[in-house]
Amino acid sequence: MSPEAPRATPRGPVDATRVPRYGGPPTFARLPRLDEVSRADVTVVGLPFDTGVSYRPGARFGPGHIRAASKLLRPYNPALSTAPFGTQQVADAGDLGLNPFDITEALATTEAGLRGLAEDGSTLLALGGDHTLALPALRALASQHGPLAVVHFDAHLDTWDTYFGAPYTHGTPFRRASEEGLVDLERSVHLGTRGPLYSEQDLEDDALLGFSVIRADDYETDGTARAVERMRRRLEGAPVYVSVDIDVLDPAHAPGTGTPEAGGLTSRELLHTLRGLVGANVVGADIVEVAPAYDHAEITGIAAAHVAYEILSVLALNSAAARS
């Protein structure tokens, strides 16, 4: 068997010692565009859409806001001892053009666009946009990997049936995904849920749809390490899709979102939990519900950019382990 060809050195972000971090290209972390590299190990793509929201709009501007905040990121992650842009090629594909007047068409466009970006084996990191778009992302990736273990960070369950009779909203994606067979019913988990529900039936329905729940209160009573342990045990080697609604964070850490709930995770708790995915078979991820009109001093955008950075760091370590 001939030896594997050496990997090309990835093109990383613009050098911050030469171009100040407030300048440079408007891509995520000032990385190259997808059309500037031969292929990407990880593709960042924006999903500017918020027609599925039930309260405050504005997440359609989330991708640009996250990209702007990501200029602060640096190349080396000391928490995980990895250089996420130096060991894998990460590139920014820009935004998909999604119809703001037709949810069904936007879902179809998202699914087709993500399928196209992933067809060469690239892992997808989507920047939303509202949580409705997790459904077409799961459709695209489940077609490659089969049912996915969904690791869902959110204040809310997002397994409700309809709003005003509408089946596709930001509160329904994981019910539809479970009904369509996209979700591994034994491996999926919500983290950070809290706040009022419509009734106790919400939790009963959610369990039948395949989700275990690690509540925000569990972080207080049991600690972050225990939450990570429970998450890891739930996954057990399945292909994993990570979906991060930024409202999993307390409004003190992420005011710029559409449906804030008191009593949420801190940024530190969320980032530490994401690091617990090292070694898991993460095949895709999204960060959604960043609504910059309600943000203050880029608090929410910065948090979301760091969430993306930790996910990219996890992917870098997992990819290196797979090659060794």
C-alpha atoms as a PDB file:
ATOM      1  CA  MET A   1       0.000   0.000   0.000  1.00  0.00           C
ATOM      2  CA  SER A   2       1.417   3.371  -0.969  1.00  0.00           C
ATOM      3  CA  PRO A   3       1.910   5.853   1.874  1.00  0.00           C
ATOM      4  CA  GLU A   4      -0.690   8.541   2.353  1.00  0.00           C
ATOM      5  CA  ALA A   5       0.134  11.777   0.581  1.00  0.00           C
ATOM      6  CA  PRO A   6       1.249  14.545   2.923  1.00  0.00           C
ATOM      7  CA  ARG A   7      -1.443  17.030   3.869  1.00  0.00           C
ATOM      8  CA  ALA A   8      -1.133  20.552   2.554  1.00  0.00           C
ATOM      9  CA  THR A   9      -0.508  23.247   5.145  1.00  0.00           C
ATOM     10  CA  PRO A  10      -3.856  24.885   5.851  1.00  0.00           C
ATOM     11  CA  ARG A  11      -4.387  28.534   5.079  1.00  0.00           C
ATOM     12  CA  GLY A  12      -5.194  30.189   8.366  1.00  0.00           C
ATOM     13  CA  PRO A  13      -6.555  33.581   9.392  1.00  0.00           C
ATOM     14  CA  VAL A  14      -5.002  36.883   8.377  1.00  0.00           C
ATOM     15  CA  ASP A  15      -1.893  37.486  10.500  1.00  0.00           C
ATOM     16  CA  ALA A  16      -2.909  39.814  13.351  1.00  0.00           C
ATOM     17  CA  THR A  17       0.690  40.999  13.743  1.00  0.00           C
ATOM     18  CA  ARG A  18       0.449  42.490  10.247  1.00  0.00           C
ATOM     19  CA  VAL A  19      -3.215  43.452   9.921  1.00  0.00           C
ATOM     20  CA  PRO A  20      -5.016  44.750  13.049  1.00  0.00           C
ATOM     21  CA  ARG A  21      -7.813  42.472  14.184  1.00  0.00           C
ATOM     22  CA  TYR A  22     -10.461  45.127  13.563  1.00  0.00           C
ATOM     23  CA  GLY A  23      -9.487  45.078   9.866  1.00  0.00           C
ATOM     24  CA  GLY A  24      -9.097  42.392   7.257  1.00  0.00           C
ATOM     25  CA  PRO A  25     -11.707  40.295   5.450  1.00  0.00           C
ATOM     26  CA  PRO A  26     -15.246  39.955   6.842  1.00  0.00           C
ATOM     27  CA  THR A  27     -15.082  36.147   6.939  1.00  0.00           C
ATOM     28  CA  PHE A  28     -15.327  34.127  10.146  1.00  0.00           C
ATOM     29  CA  ALA A  29     -12.085  34.687  12.124  1.00  0.00           C
ATOM     30  CA  ARG A  30     -10.685  36.351   8.965  1.00  0.00           C
ATOM     31  CA  LEU A  31     -10.243  32.913   7.417  1.00  0.00           C
ATOM     32  CA  PRO A  32     -10.041  32.342   3.649  1.00  0.00           C
ATOM     33  CA  ARG A  33     -13.201  32.105   1.599  1.00  0.00           C
ATOM     34  CA  LEU A  34     -14.150  28.659   0.383  1.00  0.00           C
ATOM     35  CA  ASP A  35     -13.347  29.644  -3.215  1.00  0.00           C
ATOM     36  CA  GLU A  36      -9.803  30.567  -2.143  1.00  0.00           C
ATOM     37  CA  VAL A  37      -8.830  27.013  -1.086  1.00  0.00           C
ATOM     38  CA  SER A  38      -8.836  23.682  -2.935  1.00  0.00           C
ATOM     39  CA  ARG A  39     -11.136  22.105  -0.327  1.00  0.00           C
ATOM     40  CA  ALA A  40     -12.093  22.618   3.305  1.00  0.00           C
ATOM     41  CA  ASP A  41     -12.020  20.138   6.171  1.00  0.00           C
ATOM     42  CA  VAL A  42     -14.557  22.382   7.890  1.00  0.00           C
ATOM     43  CA  THR A  43     -16.859  24.805   6.105  1.00  0.00           C
ATOM     44  CA  VAL A  44     -18.423  27.737   7.954  1.00  0.00           C
ATOM     45  CA  VAL A  45     -21.676  28.843   6.330  1.00  0.00           C
ATOM     46  CA  GLY A  46     -24.169  31.550   7.229  1.00  0.00           C
ATOM     47  CA  LEU A  47     -27.927  30.938   7.338  1.00  0.00           C
ATOM     48  CA  PRO A  48     -29.494  34.442   7.506  1.00  0.00           C
ATOM     49  CA  PHE A  49     -33.130  33.616   8.225  1.00  0.00           C
ATOM     50  CA  ASP A  50     -35.558  34.314  11.072  1.00  0.00           C
ATOM     51  CA  THR A  51     -39.024  33.837   9.598  1.00  0.00           C
ATOM     52  CA  GLY A  52     -39.630  30.968  12.035  1.00  0.00           C
ATOM     53  CA  VAL A  53     -39.347  32.997  15.246  1.00  0.00           C
ATOM     54  CA  SER A  54     -42.223  33.272  17.712  1.00  0.00           C
ATOM     55  CA  TYR A  55     -41.150  36.370  19.669  1.00  0.00           C
ATOM     56  CA  ARG A  56     -38.384  38.867  18.859  1.00  0.00           C
ATOM     57  CA  PRO A  57     -37.028  38.830  15.267  1.00  0.00           C
ATOM     58  CA  GLY A  58     -33.516  39.758  14.172  1.00  0.00           C
ATOM     59  CA  ALA A  59     -31.544  36.498  13.984  1.00  0.00           C
ATOM     60  CA  ARG A  60     -31.306  36.939  10.213  1.00  0.00           C
ATOM     61  CA  PHE A  61     -28.481  39.353  11.047  1.00  0.00           C
ATOM     62  CA  GLY A  62     -26.774  36.814  13.306  1.00  0.00           C
ATOM     63  CA  PRO A  63     -24.193  35.400  10.853  1.00  0.00           C
ATOM     64  CA  GLY A  64     -22.660  38.800  10.159  1.00  0.00           C
ATOM     65  CA  HIS A  65     -22.656  39.684  13.852  1.00  0.00           C
ATOM     66  CA  ILE A  66     -20.871  36.460  14.793  1.00  0.00           C
ATOM     67  CA  ARG A  67     -18.326  36.960  12.034  1.00  0.00           C
ATOM     68  CA  ALA A  68     -17.641  40.527  13.204  1.00  0.00           C
ATOM     69  CA  ALA A  69     -17.079  39.352  16.787  1.00  0.00           C
ATOM     70  CA  SER A  70     -14.848  36.508  15.588  1.00  0.00           C
ATOM     71  CA  LYS A  71     -12.144  38.986  14.570  1.00  0.00           C
ATOM     72  CA  LEU A  72     -11.079  38.823  18.234  1.00  0.00           C
ATOM     73  CA  LEU A  73     -10.149  35.138  18.036  1.00  0.00           C
ATOM     74  CA  ARG A  74      -6.520  34.026  18.059  1.00  0.00           C
ATOM     75  CA  PRO A  75      -4.944  30.939  16.439  1.00  0.00           C
ATOM     76  CA  TYR A  76      -4.089  28.845  19.529  1.00  0.00           C
ATOM     77  CA  ASN A  77      -6.546  27.394  22.046  1.00  0.00           C
ATOM     78  CA  PRO A  78      -4.697  26.767  25.337  1.00  0.00           C
ATOM     79  CA  ALA A  79      -7.708  25.123  26.999  1.00  0.00           C
ATOM     80  CA  LEU A  80      -7.500  22.230  24.526  1.00  0.00           C
ATOM     81  CA  SER A  81      -3.840  22.614  23.498  1.00  0.00           C
ATOM     82  CA  THR A  82      -4.687  22.853  19.809  1.00  0.00           C
ATOM     83  CA  ALA A  83      -4.469  25.259  16.888  1.00  0.00           C
ATOM     84  CA  PRO A  84      -7.879  24.786  15.229  1.00  0.00           C
ATOM     85  CA  PHE A  85      -6.914  26.704  12.082  1.00  0.00           C
ATOM     86  CA  GLY A  86      -3.423  25.184  11.780  1.00  0.00           C
ATOM     87  CA  THR A  87      -4.233  21.460  11.698  1.00  0.00           C
ATOM     88  CA  GLN A  88      -7.328  21.551   9.466  1.00  0.00           C
ATOM     89  CA  GLN A  89      -8.435  23.757   6.599  1.00  0.00           C
ATOM     90  CA  VAL A  90     -11.337  25.912   7.745  1.00  0.00           C
ATOM     91  CA  ALA A  91     -12.974  28.180   5.172  1.00  0.00           C
ATOM     92  CA  ASP A  92     -16.001  30.467   5.013  1.00  0.00           C
ATOM     93  CA  ALA A  93     -18.579  29.736   2.307  1.00  0.00           C
ATOM     94  CA  GLY A  94     -20.489  32.958   2.912  1.00  0.00           C
ATOM     95  CA  ASP A  95     -24.270  32.971   3.345  1.00  0.00           C
ATOM     96  CA  LEU A  96     -26.945  30.896   1.660  1.00  0.00           C
ATOM     97  CA  GLY A  97     -29.644  32.982  -0.023  1.00  0.00           C
ATOM     98  CA  LEU A  98     -32.801  31.995   1.860  1.00  0.00           C
ATOM     99  CA  ASN A  99     -36.313  33.179   0.989  1.00  0.00           C
ATOM    100  CA  PRO A 100     -37.569  35.279   3.943  1.00  0.00           C
ATOM    101  CA  PHE A 101     -41.200  34.980   2.808  1.00  0.00           C
ATOM    102  CA  ASP A 102     -41.486  31.195   2.377  1.00  0.00           C
ATOM    103  CA  ILE A 103     -40.365  28.883   5.182  1.00  0.00           C
ATOM    104  CA  THR A 104     -40.810  25.705   3.151  1.00  0.00           C
ATOM    105  CA  GLU A 105     -38.663  27.044   0.329  1.00  0.00           C
ATOM    106  CA  ALA A 106     -36.024  28.275   2.794  1.00  0.00           C
ATOM    107  CA  LEU A 107     -35.851  24.816   4.372  1.00  0.00           C
ATOM    108  CA  ALA A 108     -35.391  23.190   0.967  1.00  0.00           C
ATOM    109  CA  THR A 109     -32.713  25.712  -0.058  1.00  0.00           C
ATOM    110  CA  THR A 110     -30.856  25.165   3.215  1.00  0.00           C
ATOM    111  CA  GLU A 111     -30.921  21.385   2.869  1.00  0.00           C
ATOM    112  CA  ALA A 112     -29.719  21.494  -0.743  1.00  0.00           C
ATOM    113  CA  GLY A 113     -27.001  24.034   0.056  1.00  0.00           C
ATOM    114  CA  LEU A 114     -25.675  22.087   3.019  1.00  0.00           C
ATOM    115  CA  ARG A 115     -25.739  18.810   1.084  1.00  0.00           C
ATOM    116  CA  GLY A 116     -23.636  20.443  -1.617  1.00  0.00           C
ATOM    117  CA  LEU A 117     -21.105  21.815   0.858  1.00  0.00           C
ATOM    118  CA  ALA A 118     -20.780  18.468   2.653  1.00  0.00           C
ATOM    119  CA  GLU A 119     -20.581  16.209  -0.403  1.00  0.00           C
ATOM    120  CA  ASP A 120     -16.768  16.180  -0.426  1.00  0.00           C
ATOM    121  CA  GLY A 121     -16.614  15.201   3.238  1.00  0.00           C
ATOM    122  CA  SER A 122     -16.333  18.692   4.712  1.00  0.00           C
ATOM    123  CA  THR A 123     -17.778  19.113   8.200  1.00  0.00           C
ATOM    124  CA  LEU A 124     -20.321  21.928   8.418  1.00  0.00           C
ATOM    125  CA  LEU A 125     -20.491  24.684  11.010  1.00  0.00           C
ATOM    126  CA  ALA A 126     -23.604  26.789  10.371  1.00  0.00           C
ATOM    127  CA  LEU A 127     -24.139  30.290  11.749  1.00  0.00           C
ATOM    128  CA  GLY A 128     -27.817  31.209  12.120  1.00  0.00           C
ATOM    129  CA  GLY A 129     -30.362  32.403  11.789  1.00  0.00           C
ATOM    130  CA  ASP A 130     -33.184  30.924  13.834  1.00  0.00           C
ATOM    131  CA  HIS A 131     -33.487  27.358  15.075  1.00  0.00           C
ATOM    132  CA  THR A 132     -35.940  26.323  12.349  1.00  0.00           C
ATOM    133  CA  LEU A 133     -32.878  25.667  10.198  1.00  0.00           C
ATOM    134  CA  ALA A 134     -31.614  22.832  12.394  1.00  0.00           C
ATOM    135  CA  LEU A 135     -34.198  20.640  10.642  1.00  0.00           C
ATOM    136  CA  PRO A 136     -32.779  20.906   7.100  1.00  0.00           C
ATOM    137  CA  ALA A 137     -29.264  20.603   8.528  1.00  0.00           C
ATOM    138  CA  LEU A 138     -30.247  17.315  10.155  1.00  0.00           C
ATOM    139  CA  ARG A 139     -31.911  16.179   6.925  1.00  0.00           C
ATOM    140  CA  ALA A 140     -28.724  16.885   4.968  1.00  0.00           C
ATOM    141  CA  LEU A 141     -26.369  15.150   7.404  1.00  0.00           C
ATOM    142  CA  ALA A 142     -28.599  12.202   8.288  1.00  0.00           C
ATOM    143  CA  SER A 143     -28.634  11.334   4.591  1.00  0.00           C
ATOM    144  CA  GLN A 144     -24.889  10.713   4.954  1.00  0.00           C
ATOM    145  CA  HIS A 145     -24.603   9.333   8.473  1.00  0.00           C
ATOM    146  CA  GLY A 146     -28.011   7.907   9.390  1.00  0.00           C
ATOM    147  CA  PRO A 147     -29.866   8.952  12.570  1.00  0.00           C
ATOM    148  CA  LEU A 148     -27.848  11.461  14.586  1.00  0.00           C
ATOM    149  CA  ALA A 149     -27.268  11.903  18.287  1.00  0.00           C
ATOM    150  CA  VAL A 150     -28.412  15.489  18.744  1.00  0.00           C
ATOM    151  CA  VAL A 151     -26.590  17.441  21.457  1.00  0.00           C
ATOM    152  CA  HIS A 152     -28.930  20.381  21.860  1.00  0.00           C
ATOM    153  CA  PHE A 153     -27.931  23.380  23.992  1.00  0.00           C
ATOM    154  CA  ASP A 154     -31.002  25.540  24.556  1.00  0.00           C
ATOM    155  CA  ALA A 155     -33.207  27.154  27.181  1.00  0.00           C
ATOM    156  CA  HIS A 156     -36.139  25.506  25.382  1.00  0.00           C
ATOM    157  CA  LEU A 157     -37.012  21.987  24.286  1.00  0.00           C
ATOM    158  CA  ASP A 158     -37.877  22.915  20.679  1.00  0.00           C
ATOM    159  CA  THR A 159     -39.976  19.753  20.410  1.00  0.00           C
ATOM    160  CA  TRP A 160     -43.386  21.436  20.343  1.00  0.00           C
ATOM    161  CA  ASP A 161     -45.811  20.396  17.622  1.00  0.00           C
ATOM    162  CA  THR A 162     -47.039  23.615  16.015  1.00  0.00           C
ATOM    163  CA  TYR A 163     -47.414  27.349  16.545  1.00  0.00           C
ATOM    164  CA  PHE A 164     -50.692  28.785  15.177  1.00  0.00           C
ATOM    165  CA  GLY A 165     -50.979  25.549  13.186  1.00  0.00           C
ATOM    166  CA  ALA A 166     -47.570  26.015  11.543  1.00  0.00           C
ATOM    167  CA  PRO A 167     -45.417  22.856  11.683  1.00  0.00           C
ATOM    168  CA  TYR A 168     -42.088  24.518  10.800  1.00  0.00           C
ATOM    169  CA  THR A 169     -40.943  27.108  13.359  1.00  0.00           C
ATOM    170  CA  HIS A 170     -37.986  27.631  15.647  1.00  0.00           C
ATOM    171  CA  GLY A 171     -39.840  25.783  18.407  1.00  0.00           C
ATOM    172  CA  THR A 172     -40.572  22.625  16.396  1.00  0.00           C
ATOM    173  CA  PRO A 173     -37.403  21.437  14.565  1.00  0.00           C
ATOM    174  CA  PHE A 174     -36.533  18.512  16.801  1.00  0.00           C
ATOM    175  CA  ARG A 175     -40.079  17.122  16.858  1.00  0.00           C
ATOM    176  CA  ARG A 176     -40.123  17.125  13.057  1.00  0.00           C
ATOM    177  CA  ALA A 177     -36.609  15.641  12.974  1.00  0.00           C
ATOM    178  CA  SER A 178     -37.570  12.862  15.371  1.00  0.00           C
ATOM    179  CA  GLU A 179     -40.743  12.119  13.387  1.00  0.00           C
ATOM    180  CA  GLU A 180     -38.660  11.893  10.196  1.00  0.00           C
ATOM    181  CA  GLY A 181     -36.234   9.388  11.723  1.00  0.00           C
ATOM    182  CA  LEU A 182     -33.282  11.810  11.726  1.00  0.00           C
ATOM    183  CA  VAL A 183     -32.679  11.598  15.503  1.00  0.00           C
ATOM    184  CA  ASP A 184     -31.085   8.714  17.386  1.00  0.00           C
ATOM    185  CA  LEU A 185     -33.778   8.084  19.983  1.00  0.00           C
ATOM    186  CA  GLU A 186     -31.341   6.524  22.483  1.00  0.00           C
ATOM    187  CA  ARG A 187     -28.480   9.020  22.174  1.00  0.00           C
ATOM    188  CA  SER A 188     -29.872  12.567  22.064  1.00  0.00           C
ATOM    189  CA  VAL A 189     -29.841  15.128  24.850  1.00  0.00           C
ATOM    190  CA  HIS A 190     -30.937  18.671  25.692  1.00  0.00           C
ATOM    191  CA  LEU A 191     -28.596  20.741  27.876  1.00  0.00           C
ATOM    192  CA  GLY A 192     -29.395  23.976  29.711  1.00  0.00           C
ATOM    193  CA  THR A 193     -33.187  23.821  29.518  1.00  0.00           C
ATOM    194  CA  ARG A 194     -35.146  25.947  31.987  1.00  0.00           C
ATOM    195  CA  GLY A 195     -38.096  28.256  32.387  1.00  0.00           C
ATOM    196  CA  PRO A 196     -41.874  27.817  32.137  1.00  0.00           C
ATOM    197  CA  LEU A 197     -43.538  25.276  29.852  1.00  0.00           C
ATOM    198  CA  TYR A 198     -47.077  25.070  28.506  1.00  0.00           C
ATOM    199  CA  SER A 199     -47.798  21.939  30.560  1.00  0.00           C
ATOM    200  CA  GLU A 200     -46.208  18.800  32.028  1.00  0.00           C
ATOM    201  CA  GLN A 201     -47.160  17.089  28.769  1.00  0.00           C
ATOM    202  CA  ASP A 202     -44.306  18.964  27.064  1.00  0.00           C
ATOM    203  CA  LEU A 203     -41.757  16.912  29.001  1.00  0.00           C
ATOM    204  CA  GLU A 204     -43.607  13.651  28.447  1.00  0.00           C
ATOM    205  CA  ASP A 205     -43.771  14.243  24.701  1.00  0.00           C
ATOM    206  CA  ASP A 206     -40.117  15.248  24.625  1.00  0.00           C
ATOM    207  CA  ALA A 207     -39.011  11.973  26.223  1.00  0.00           C
ATOM    208  CA  LEU A 208     -40.956   9.976  23.633  1.00  0.00           C
ATOM    209  CA  LEU A 209     -39.192  11.931  20.882  1.00  0.00           C
ATOM    210  CA  GLY A 210     -35.831  10.586  22.081  1.00  0.00           C
ATOM    211  CA  PHE A 211     -34.299  13.234  24.313  1.00  0.00           C
ATOM    212  CA  SER A 212     -32.740  13.079  27.739  1.00  0.00           C
ATOM    213  CA  VAL A 213     -32.604  16.397  29.629  1.00  0.00           C
ATOM    214  CA  ILE A 214     -29.760  18.030  31.559  1.00  0.00           C
ATOM    215  CA  ARG A 215     -31.333  21.152  33.020  1.00  0.00           C
ATOM    216  CA  ALA A 216     -29.636  24.449  33.733  1.00  0.00           C
ATOM    217  CA  ASP A 217     -30.379  23.772  37.414  1.00  0.00           C
ATOM    218  CA  ASP A 218     -28.370  20.549  37.181  1.00  0.00           C
ATOM    219  CA  TYR A 219     -25.266  22.643  36.531  1.00  0.00           C
ATOM    220  CA  GLU A 220     -25.912  24.387  39.854  1.00  0.00           C
ATOM    221  CA  THR A 221     -26.628  21.271  41.908  1.00  0.00           C
ATOM    222  CA  ASP A 222     -24.281  18.735  40.275  1.00  0.00           C
ATOM    223  CA  GLY A 223     -21.625  20.877  38.596  1.00  0.00           C
ATOM    224  CA  THR A 224     -20.280  21.121  35.059  1.00  0.00           C
ATOM    225  CA  ALA A 225     -18.129  17.990  35.270  1.00  0.00           C
ATOM    226  CA  ARG A 226     -21.178  15.873  36.083  1.00  0.00           C
ATOM    227  CA  ALA A 227     -23.115  17.425  33.179  1.00  0.00           C
ATOM    228  CA  VAL A 228     -20.270  16.570  30.805  1.00  0.00           C
ATOM    229  CA  GLU A 229     -20.141  13.019  32.150  1.00  0.00           C
ATOM    230  CA  ARG A 230     -23.878  12.559  31.594  1.00  0.00           C
ATOM    231  CA  MET A 231     -23.626  13.998  28.076  1.00  0.00           C
ATOM    232  CA  ARG A 232     -20.714  11.738  27.148  1.00  0.00           C
ATOM    233  CA  ARG A 233     -22.425   8.638  28.477  1.00  0.00           C
ATOM    234  CA  ARG A 234     -25.543   9.449  26.485  1.00  0.00           C
ATOM    235  CA  LEU A 235     -23.647   9.710  23.159  1.00  0.00           C
ATOM    236  CA  GLU A 236     -21.783   6.366  23.250  1.00  0.00           C
ATOM    237  CA  GLY A 237     -20.020   6.629  19.893  1.00  0.00           C
ATOM    238  CA  ALA A 238     -22.955   7.724  17.706  1.00  0.00           C
ATOM    239  CA  PRO A 239     -22.527  10.346  14.959  1.00  0.00           C
ATOM    240  CA  VAL A 240     -23.205  13.642  16.735  1.00  0.00           C
ATOM    241  CA  TYR A 241     -24.842  16.856  15.625  1.00  0.00           C
ATOM    242  CA  VAL A 242     -24.270  19.813  17.964  1.00  0.00           C
ATOM    243  CA  SER A 243     -26.928  22.528  17.965  1.00  0.00           C
ATOM    244  CA  VAL A 244     -26.311  25.595  20.122  1.00  0.00           C
ATOM    245  CA  ASP A 245     -29.113  28.076  20.644  1.00  0.00           C
ATOM    246  CA  ILE A 246     -27.325  31.028  22.186  1.00  0.00           C
ATOM    247  CA  ASP A 247     -30.230  31.513  24.602  1.00  0.00           C
ATOM    248  CA  VAL A 248     -28.870  28.520  26.528  1.00  0.00           C
ATOM    249  CA  LEU A 249     -26.757  31.229  28.135  1.00  0.00           C
ATOM    250  CA  ASP A 250     -28.243  33.432  30.823  1.00  0.00           C
ATOM    251  CA  PRO A 251     -29.327  36.831  29.432  1.00  0.00           C
ATOM    252  CA  ALA A 252     -26.449  38.350  31.427  1.00  0.00           C
ATOM    253  CA  HIS A 253     -24.107  36.467  29.055  1.00  0.00           C
ATOM    254  CA  ALA A 254     -26.238  36.622  25.890  1.00  0.00           C
ATOM    255  CA  PRO A 255     -28.817  39.425  25.855  1.00  0.00           C
ATOM    256  CA  GLY A 256     -28.932  39.496  22.050  1.00  0.00           C
ATOM    257  CA  THR A 257     -31.420  36.728  21.399  1.00  0.00           C
ATOM    258  CA  GLY A 258     -35.089  36.392  20.578  1.00  0.00           C
ATOM    259  CA  THR A 259     -36.509  34.401  23.518  1.00  0.00           C
ATOM    260  CA  PRO A 260     -34.318  34.987  26.596  1.00  0.00           C
ATOM    261  CA  GLU A 261     -34.913  33.018  29.806  1.00  0.00           C
ATOM    262  CA  ALA A 262     -33.528  33.794  33.263  1.00  0.00           C
ATOM    263  CA  GLY A 263     -31.359  31.272  35.096  1.00  0.00           C
ATOM    264  CA  GLY A 264     -29.149  30.106  32.244  1.00  0.00           C
ATOM    265  CA  LEU A 265     -25.622  28.814  31.841  1.00  0.00           C
ATOM    266  CA  THR A 266     -22.575  31.043  32.065  1.00  0.00           C
ATOM    267  CA  SER A 267     -20.288  31.366  29.056  1.00  0.00           C
ATOM    268  CA  ARG A 268     -17.641  29.446  30.988  1.00  0.00           C
ATOM    269  CA  GLU A 269     -20.012  26.531  31.678  1.00  0.00           C
ATOM    270  CA  LEU A 270     -21.024  26.310  28.032  1.00  0.00           C
ATOM    271  CA  LEU A 271     -17.471  26.436  26.664  1.00  0.00           C
ATOM    272  CA  HIS A 272     -16.288  23.845  29.173  1.00  0.00           C
ATOM    273  CA  THR A 273     -19.158  21.520  28.233  1.00  0.00           C
ATOM    274  CA  LEU A 274     -18.335  21.829  24.540  1.00  0.00           C
ATOM    275  CA  ARG A 275     -14.755  20.786  25.270  1.00  0.00           C
ATOM    276  CA  GLY A 276     -16.223  17.571  26.641  1.00  0.00           C
ATOM    277  CA  LEU A 277     -17.029  16.591  23.036  1.00  0.00           C
ATOM    278  CA  VAL A 278     -13.378  15.795  22.286  1.00  0.00           C
ATOM    279  CA  GLY A 279     -13.396  12.203  21.078  1.00  0.00           C
ATOM    280  CA  ALA A 280     -17.069  12.244  20.108  1.00  0.00           C
ATOM    281  CA  ASN A 281     -17.917  11.695  16.440  1.00  0.00           C
ATOM    282  CA  VAL A 282     -19.088  15.246  15.710  1.00  0.00           C
ATOM    283  CA  VAL A 283     -20.295  15.433  12.094  1.00  0.00           C
ATOM    284  CA  GLY A 284     -21.832  18.913  12.082  1.00  0.00           C
ATOM    285  CA  ALA A 285     -22.916  21.844  14.218  1.00  0.00           C
ATOM    286  CA  ASP A 286     -24.863  25.062  14.283  1.00  0.00           C
ATOM    287  CA  ILE A 287     -24.990  28.220  16.404  1.00  0.00           C
ATOM    288  CA  VAL A 288     -28.345  29.969  16.168  1.00  0.00           C
ATOM    289  CA  GLU A 289     -30.667  32.661  17.536  1.00  0.00           C
ATOM    290  CA  VAL A 290     -28.105  35.483  17.776  1.00  0.00           C
ATOM    291  CA  ALA A 291     -30.164  38.661  17.326  1.00  0.00           C
ATOM    292  CA  PRO A 292     -27.749  41.625  17.269  1.00  0.00           C
ATOM    293  CA  ALA A 293     -30.423  44.321  17.664  1.00  0.00           C
ATOM    294  CA  TYR A 294     -30.789  43.240  21.304  1.00  0.00           C
ATOM    295  CA  ASP A 295     -27.065  42.804  21.958  1.00  0.00           C
ATOM    296  CA  HIS A 296     -24.957  45.111  24.126  1.00  0.00           C
ATOM    297  CA  ALA A 297     -21.239  45.705  23.558  1.00  0.00           C
ATOM    298  CA  GLU A 298     -21.145  42.561  21.347  1.00  0.00           C
ATOM    299  CA  ILE A 299     -21.586  40.340  24.439  1.00  0.00           C
ATOM    300  CA  THR A 300     -23.709  37.812  22.565  1.00  0.00           C
ATOM    301  CA  GLY A 301     -21.678  37.930  19.367  1.00  0.00           C
ATOM    302  CA  ILE A 302     -18.449  37.351  21.273  1.00  0.00           C
ATOM    303  CA  ALA A 303     -19.971  34.418  23.147  1.00  0.00           C
ATOM    304  CA  ALA A 304     -21.208  32.873  19.888  1.00  0.00           C
ATOM    305  CA  ALA A 305     -17.831  33.342  18.198  1.00  0.00           C
ATOM    306  CA  HIS A 306     -16.128  31.563  21.085  1.00  0.00           C
ATOM    307  CA  VAL A 307     -18.680  28.745  20.907  1.00  0.00           C
ATOM    308  CA  ALA A 308     -17.731  28.300  17.253  1.00  0.00           C
ATOM    309  CA  TYR A 309     -14.038  28.395  18.172  1.00  0.00           C
ATOM    310  CA  GLU A 310     -14.439  25.632  20.767  1.00  0.00           C
ATOM    311  CA  ILE A 311     -16.363  23.483  18.284  1.00  0.00           C
ATOM    312  CA  LEU A 312     -13.626  24.009  15.685  1.00  0.00           C
ATOM    313  CA  SER A 313     -11.027  23.061  18.311  1.00  0.00           C
ATOM    314  CA  VAL A 314     -12.915  19.860  19.097  1.00  0.00           C
ATOM    315  CA  LEU A 315     -13.068  19.030  15.387  1.00  0.00           C
ATOM    316  CA  ALA A 316      -9.345  19.648  15.023  1.00  0.00           C
ATOM    317  CA  LEU A 317      -8.472  17.268  17.858  1.00  0.00           C
ATOM    318  CA  ASN A 318     -10.914  14.631  16.654  1.00  0.00           C
ATOM    319  CA  SER A 319      -9.558  14.824  13.123  1.00  0.00           C
ATOM    320  CA  ALA A 320      -5.968  14.525  14.340  1.00  0.00           C
ATOM    321  CA  ALA A 321      -6.897  11.496  16.442  1.00  0.00           C
ATOM    322  CA  ALA A 322      -8.600   9.847  13.455  1.00  0.00           C
ATOM    323  CA  ARG A 323      -5.467  10.294  11.325  1.00  0.00           C
ATOM    324  CA  SER A 324      -3.081   8.904  13.944  1.00  0.00           C
END
